[in-house]
Protein backbone atom coordinates (compact mmCIF):
# COMPACT_ATOMS: atom_id res chain seq x y z
CA UNK A 1 14.29 -3.81 -20.52
CA UNK A 2 15.29 -5.55 -17.31
CA UNK A 3 16.22 -3.26 -14.40
CA UNK A 4 17.82 -3.67 -10.99
CA UNK A 5 14.94 -2.76 -8.71
CA UNK A 6 14.91 -2.23 -4.94
CA UNK A 7 11.66 -2.49 -3.00
CA UNK A 8 11.72 -1.25 0.59
CA UNK A 9 9.03 -3.07 2.55
CA UNK A 10 9.11 -5.82 -0.07
CA UNK A 11 8.30 -8.55 2.46
CA UNK A 12 5.01 -6.88 3.38
CA UNK A 13 1.50 -7.02 1.98
CA UNK A 14 1.70 -4.73 -1.05
CA UNK A 15 5.47 -5.03 -1.41
CA UNK A 16 5.35 -8.81 -1.79
CA UNK A 17 2.78 -8.55 -4.58
CA UNK A 18 4.93 -5.92 -6.27
CA UNK A 19 8.03 -8.11 -5.95
CA UNK A 20 6.26 -11.01 -7.64
CA UNK A 21 4.89 -8.80 -10.41
CA UNK A 22 8.20 -7.12 -11.23
CA UNK A 23 10.07 -10.42 -11.24
CA UNK A 24 7.43 -11.73 -13.62
CA UNK A 25 8.33 -8.85 -15.92
CA UNK A 26 11.97 -9.96 -15.87
CA UNK A 27 13.40 -7.39 -13.45
CA UNK A 28 16.13 -8.24 -10.94
CA UNK A 29 14.37 -7.45 -7.67
CA UNK A 30 16.03 -6.74 -4.33
CA UNK A 31 14.12 -6.37 -1.07
CA UNK A 32 14.96 -4.33 2.01
CA UNK A 33 12.75 -5.04 5.04
CA UNK A 34 13.22 -5.27 8.80
CA UNK A 35 10.48 -7.95 9.07
CA UNK A 36 8.66 -6.13 11.87
CA UNK A 37 5.40 -6.62 9.95
CA UNK A 38 6.48 -8.44 6.79
CA UNK A 39 7.51 -12.08 6.49
CA UNK A 40 10.74 -13.22 4.88
CA UNK A 41 9.09 -15.84 2.69
CA UNK A 42 6.78 -13.24 1.15
CA UNK A 43 9.69 -11.27 -0.32
CA UNK A 44 10.12 -13.94 -2.97
CA UNK A 45 13.82 -13.28 -3.55
CA UNK A 46 16.94 -15.36 -2.80
CA UNK A 47 19.13 -14.61 0.19
CA UNK A 48 21.66 -12.54 -1.72
CA UNK A 49 18.91 -10.17 -2.81
CA UNK A 50 17.29 -9.75 0.61
CA UNK A 51 18.57 -7.17 3.10
CA UNK A 52 17.20 -7.23 6.63
CA UNK A 53 17.55 -3.55 7.45
CA UNK A 54 15.53 -1.06 9.48
CA UNK A 55 15.17 2.17 7.49
CA UNK A 56 15.59 4.12 10.72
CA UNK A 57 19.21 2.97 10.64
CA UNK A 58 20.63 5.54 8.24
CA UNK A 59 24.09 4.00 7.86
CA UNK A 60 22.77 0.46 7.28
CA UNK A 61 20.17 1.74 4.80
CA UNK A 62 22.77 3.63 2.77
CA UNK A 63 25.17 0.68 2.87
CA UNK A 64 22.47 -1.66 1.51
CA UNK A 65 21.43 0.72 -1.26
CA UNK A 66 25.06 1.22 -2.28
CA UNK A 67 25.63 -2.55 -2.38
CA UNK A 68 22.51 -3.10 -4.51
CA UNK A 69 23.19 -0.12 -6.81
CA UNK A 70 19.58 -0.11 -8.05
CA UNK A 71 18.29 1.67 -11.14
CA UNK A 72 14.79 1.99 -9.69
CA UNK A 73 13.70 2.24 -6.06
CA UNK A 74 10.13 1.73 -4.86
CA UNK A 75 9.82 2.92 -1.28
CA UNK A 76 6.92 1.15 0.43
CA UNK A 77 8.39 0.53 3.90
CA UNK A 78 6.16 2.19 6.51
CA UNK A 79 3.80 1.66 9.40
CA UNK A 80 0.37 2.04 7.85
CA UNK A 81 -2.24 0.48 10.17
CA UNK A 82 -4.04 3.60 11.39
CA UNK A 83 -4.98 2.40 14.92
CA UNK A 84 -1.37 1.34 15.52
CA UNK A 85 -0.06 4.68 14.26
CA UNK A 86 -2.46 6.56 16.53
CA UNK A 87 -1.30 4.52 19.51
CA UNK A 88 2.41 4.85 18.61
CA UNK A 89 2.77 8.31 17.03
CA UNK A 90 6.49 8.69 17.74
CA UNK A 91 7.31 5.33 16.17
CA UNK A 92 5.06 6.10 13.18
CA UNK A 93 6.76 9.45 12.61
CA UNK A 94 10.23 7.98 13.03
CA UNK A 95 9.66 5.20 10.49
CA UNK A 96 7.46 7.02 7.99
CA UNK A 97 9.26 10.38 8.02
CA UNK A 98 12.83 9.84 9.20
CA UNK A 99 12.97 6.47 7.45
CA UNK A 100 11.88 8.07 4.17
CA UNK A 101 14.58 10.71 4.49
CA UNK A 102 17.17 7.98 5.05
CA UNK A 103 16.02 5.97 2.02
CA UNK A 104 15.80 8.91 -0.35
CA UNK A 105 19.15 10.32 0.70
CA UNK A 106 20.64 7.04 -0.50
CA UNK A 107 18.92 7.31 -3.90
CA UNK A 108 20.54 10.37 -5.40
CA UNK A 109 22.09 8.38 -8.26
CA UNK A 110 19.15 6.16 -9.26
CA UNK A 111 17.14 6.53 -12.47
CA UNK A 112 13.65 6.62 -10.91
CA UNK A 113 12.01 6.62 -7.50
CA UNK A 114 8.49 5.67 -6.45
CA UNK A 115 7.28 6.76 -3.00
CA UNK A 116 4.15 5.23 -1.48
CA UNK A 117 1.66 7.64 0.07
CA UNK A 118 -1.99 7.21 0.98
CA UNK A 119 -5.55 8.39 0.49
CA UNK A 120 -5.41 9.31 4.18
CA UNK A 121 -3.78 12.61 3.16
CA UNK A 122 -7.20 13.78 1.93
CA UNK A 123 -9.77 15.45 4.19
CA UNK A 124 -13.32 14.24 4.81
CA UNK A 125 -15.27 14.88 1.63
CA UNK A 126 -17.93 13.30 -0.55
CA UNK A 127 -17.26 12.20 -4.11
CA UNK A 128 -14.13 11.06 -5.89
CA UNK A 129 -10.86 12.68 -4.89
CA UNK A 130 -8.55 13.93 -7.61
CA UNK A 131 -4.88 14.61 -7.02
CA UNK A 132 -5.61 18.34 -7.09
CA UNK A 133 -7.98 18.13 -4.11
CA UNK A 134 -6.62 20.01 -1.07
CA UNK A 135 -5.02 17.73 1.50
CA UNK A 136 -6.18 17.50 5.10
CA UNK A 137 -5.23 14.32 6.97
CA UNK A 138 -7.27 13.30 10.02
CA UNK A 139 -4.81 11.01 11.80
CA UNK A 140 -1.15 10.46 12.58
CA UNK A 141 -0.71 8.10 9.65
CA UNK A 142 -2.04 10.61 7.13
CA UNK A 143 0.07 13.37 8.67
CA UNK A 144 3.26 11.29 8.39
CA UNK A 145 2.46 10.40 4.79
CA UNK A 146 1.77 13.99 3.81
CA UNK A 147 5.20 14.79 5.26
CA UNK A 148 6.57 11.91 3.16
CA UNK A 149 5.14 13.53 0.03
CA UNK A 150 6.78 16.85 0.87
CA UNK A 151 10.09 15.07 1.49
CA UNK A 152 9.80 13.28 -1.87
CA UNK A 153 9.13 16.59 -3.64
CA UNK A 154 12.13 18.20 -1.96
CA UNK A 155 14.24 15.17 -2.92
CA UNK A 156 13.30 15.61 -6.58
CA UNK A 157 13.95 19.36 -6.51
CA UNK A 158 17.35 18.77 -4.95
CA UNK A 159 18.51 15.84 -7.07
CA UNK A 160 16.51 15.95 -10.30
CA UNK A 161 15.66 12.25 -9.93
CA UNK A 162 12.23 11.57 -11.52
CA UNK A 163 9.90 10.83 -8.61
CA UNK A 164 6.40 9.34 -8.58
CA UNK A 165 4.22 9.58 -5.48
CA UNK A 166 1.43 7.01 -5.36
CA UNK A 167 -1.52 7.66 -3.08
CA UNK A 168 -2.73 4.17 -2.22
CA UNK A 169 -6.40 3.64 -1.50
CA UNK A 170 -7.56 0.48 0.33
CA UNK A 171 -5.56 -2.52 -0.79
CA UNK A 172 -6.82 -6.08 -0.54
CA UNK A 173 -5.47 -9.43 -1.64
CA UNK A 174 -3.37 -12.33 -0.34
CA UNK A 175 -0.70 -12.12 2.37
CA UNK A 176 -2.17 -9.21 4.34
CA UNK A 177 0.05 -8.45 7.35
CA UNK A 178 -2.29 -6.04 9.20
CA UNK A 179 -5.83 -6.63 10.57
CA UNK A 180 -7.67 -4.48 8.04
CA UNK A 181 -11.34 -5.07 7.18
CA UNK A 182 -11.19 -7.78 4.51
CA UNK A 183 -8.54 -9.97 6.19
CA UNK A 184 -10.36 -9.56 9.51
CA UNK A 185 -13.62 -10.81 7.97
CA UNK A 186 -11.68 -13.59 6.29
CA UNK A 187 -10.00 -14.56 9.58
CA UNK A 188 -13.30 -14.75 11.45
CA UNK A 189 -14.99 -16.78 8.71
CA UNK A 190 -12.11 -19.23 8.40
CA UNK A 191 -12.22 -19.60 12.17
CA UNK A 192 -15.77 -20.85 11.81
CA UNK A 193 -17.67 -17.68 12.74
CA UNK A 194 -20.83 -16.78 10.91
CA UNK A 195 -21.60 -13.89 13.25
CA UNK A 196 -18.94 -11.28 12.57
CA UNK A 197 -17.66 -8.77 15.11
CA UNK A 198 -16.97 -5.55 13.23
CA UNK A 199 -16.76 -1.81 13.84
CA UNK A 200 -18.25 1.00 11.76
CA UNK A 201 -20.50 -0.49 9.06
CA UNK A 202 -21.50 2.43 6.84
CA UNK A 203 -18.19 4.03 5.75
CA UNK A 204 -17.34 3.33 2.11
CA UNK A 205 -13.85 2.60 0.81
CA UNK A 206 -12.22 2.20 -2.58
CA UNK A 207 -10.80 -1.34 -2.47
CA UNK A 208 -8.12 -2.20 -5.03
CA UNK A 209 -6.47 -5.61 -5.42
CA UNK A 210 -2.72 -5.73 -4.84
CA UNK A 211 -2.16 -7.20 -8.32
CA UNK A 212 -3.85 -4.15 -9.85
CA UNK A 213 -1.77 -1.89 -7.60
CA UNK A 214 1.42 -3.64 -8.72
CA UNK A 215 0.47 -3.24 -12.36
CA UNK A 216 -0.21 0.46 -11.78
CA UNK A 217 3.16 1.07 -10.09
CA UNK A 218 5.03 -0.81 -12.80
CA UNK A 219 3.17 1.10 -15.52
CA UNK A 220 4.00 4.46 -13.95
CA UNK A 221 7.70 3.64 -13.88
CA UNK A 222 7.70 2.19 -17.39
CA UNK A 223 6.35 5.48 -18.75
CA UNK A 224 9.44 7.29 -17.51
CA UNK A 225 7.41 10.21 -16.18
CA UNK A 226 9.59 13.27 -15.64
CA UNK A 227 9.47 15.62 -12.66
CA UNK A 228 7.69 14.86 -9.41
CA UNK A 229 4.13 13.68 -9.96
CA UNK A 230 1.32 12.45 -7.68
CA UNK A 231 -1.08 9.71 -8.77
CA UNK A 232 -4.06 8.13 -7.03
CA UNK A 233 -3.90 4.32 -7.06
CA UNK A 234 -7.39 2.98 -6.47
CA UNK A 235 -10.13 1.23 -8.40
CA UNK A 236 -12.58 4.10 -8.68
CA UNK A 237 -15.46 2.24 -6.98
CA UNK A 238 -16.33 2.41 -3.28
CA UNK A 239 -17.97 -0.24 -1.10
CA UNK A 240 -19.44 -0.08 2.38
CA UNK A 241 -18.52 -2.59 5.07
CA UNK A 242 -21.97 -4.13 4.65
CA UNK A 243 -21.35 -4.56 0.92
CA UNK A 244 -18.04 -6.30 1.58
CA UNK A 245 -19.79 -8.71 3.96
CA UNK A 246 -22.38 -9.35 1.24
CA UNK A 247 -19.58 -10.22 -1.19
CA UNK A 248 -18.32 -12.82 1.28
CA UNK A 249 -21.86 -14.18 1.58
CA UNK A 250 -22.07 -14.58 -2.20
CA UNK A 251 -18.81 -16.52 -2.35
CA UNK A 252 -19.62 -18.67 0.69
CA UNK A 253 -23.22 -19.28 -0.26
CA UNK A 254 -24.06 -18.66 3.41
CA UNK A 255 -25.74 -15.94 5.42
CA UNK A 256 -23.55 -13.87 7.74
CA UNK A 257 -24.69 -11.84 10.74
CA UNK A 258 -22.95 -8.68 11.91
CA UNK A 259 -22.49 -7.62 15.53
CA UNK A 260 -21.06 -4.15 16.04
CA UNK A 261 -18.21 -4.38 18.53
CA UNK A 262 -17.85 -1.03 20.38
CA UNK A 263 -14.13 -1.67 20.80
CA UNK A 264 -13.74 -1.71 17.01
CA UNK A 265 -15.68 1.50 16.34
CA UNK A 266 -13.43 4.40 15.40
CA UNK A 267 -14.25 7.69 17.10
CA UNK A 268 -13.29 9.71 14.02
CA UNK A 269 -14.33 8.13 10.74
CA UNK A 270 -14.56 9.37 7.17
CA UNK A 271 -17.70 8.13 5.44
CA UNK A 272 -16.24 8.12 1.94
CA UNK A 273 -12.87 7.41 0.36
CA UNK A 274 -13.08 7.21 -3.42
CA UNK A 275 -10.27 7.64 -5.95
CA UNK A 276 -10.47 9.62 -9.15
CA UNK A 277 -8.05 7.52 -11.19
CA UNK A 278 -8.39 9.46 -14.43
CA UNK A 279 -4.84 10.81 -14.22
CA UNK A 280 -3.38 7.31 -13.75
CA UNK A 281 -5.38 5.90 -16.65
CA UNK A 282 -4.51 8.79 -18.95
CA UNK A 283 -0.79 8.57 -18.16
CA UNK A 284 -0.43 4.79 -18.49
CA UNK A 285 -3.50 3.22 -20.09
CA UNK A 286 -3.87 1.14 -16.92
CA UNK A 287 -7.25 -0.39 -16.11
CA UNK A 288 -8.16 -2.45 -13.02
CA UNK A 289 -8.79 -6.15 -13.60
CA UNK A 290 -9.88 -7.39 -10.18
CA UNK A 291 -13.32 -6.80 -8.68
CA UNK A 292 -14.41 -7.44 -5.11
CA UNK A 293 -16.08 -10.76 -5.87
CA UNK A 294 -13.10 -12.12 -7.80
CA UNK A 295 -10.76 -11.03 -5.02
CA UNK A 296 -12.84 -12.49 -2.20
CA UNK A 297 -13.26 -15.75 -4.12
CA UNK A 298 -9.51 -16.06 -4.66
CA UNK A 299 -8.81 -15.39 -0.97
CA UNK A 300 -11.22 -18.09 0.16
CA UNK A 301 -9.91 -20.58 -2.41
CA UNK A 302 -6.31 -19.86 -1.44
CA UNK A 303 -6.99 -20.62 2.20
CA UNK A 304 -8.96 -23.75 1.38
CA UNK A 305 -6.02 -25.01 -0.68
CA UNK A 306 -3.47 -24.43 2.09
């Protein structure tokens, strides 16, 4: 059944993929975004369904939500590039925490809410993380997102609105709006470099394609899960930086050299970040469809075609 759906941050990296996916399912999608990181064209909605609003502006946020009158709200708007958050902690807290309060306070009459969180709420640990693992963020971003989770839980307890919290692991795919690992490698390669300047090489991350993430979010809402529930959204496989570079080599058919750039090396780094996605699969039947090689190949083909 078609729903009126609002995506905050819908002109950004993950939000734009979600907008496209939900519209493909027949939903009437609205996007709220201040375009500080996102791009208007990525939202994929007509002008009457796009609201340029900063979620720190409580009155404007509530006015937009009231005008849209959505049945479902997926709250993705945030600052999520960890180095930027560490350099701008007040801004990160204001957007990720205060902004979330403003959005949720406007959603007391909706049918369902999805709130984006992150794997950064977990502490340093080996092995796959389940949702029951104790939290212990290492950086400002993770701290703000753990606060977001608590705010979402309080929102559900106060309003009774079914609320899903999705802990995103490392997204990759088209239209990235932050200089994360895969788009940074892609940028250097497309600029002609075959010697890559990168930071830490050995940490492993669980990379999940944005199309798989969109399918997971849609599946969680379609199940009509009651209460307030937390789900990991990852692929369940982790790759080191070196392995990602090797995937690019396979798709290029060329050898790449790595130079470690001291300016890119993080002082505090977790060596593993791996999702246990058993709860997600059990609740929805969801399975990932995109691997690293397929994703890298599509990114390179997309840029060649532009």
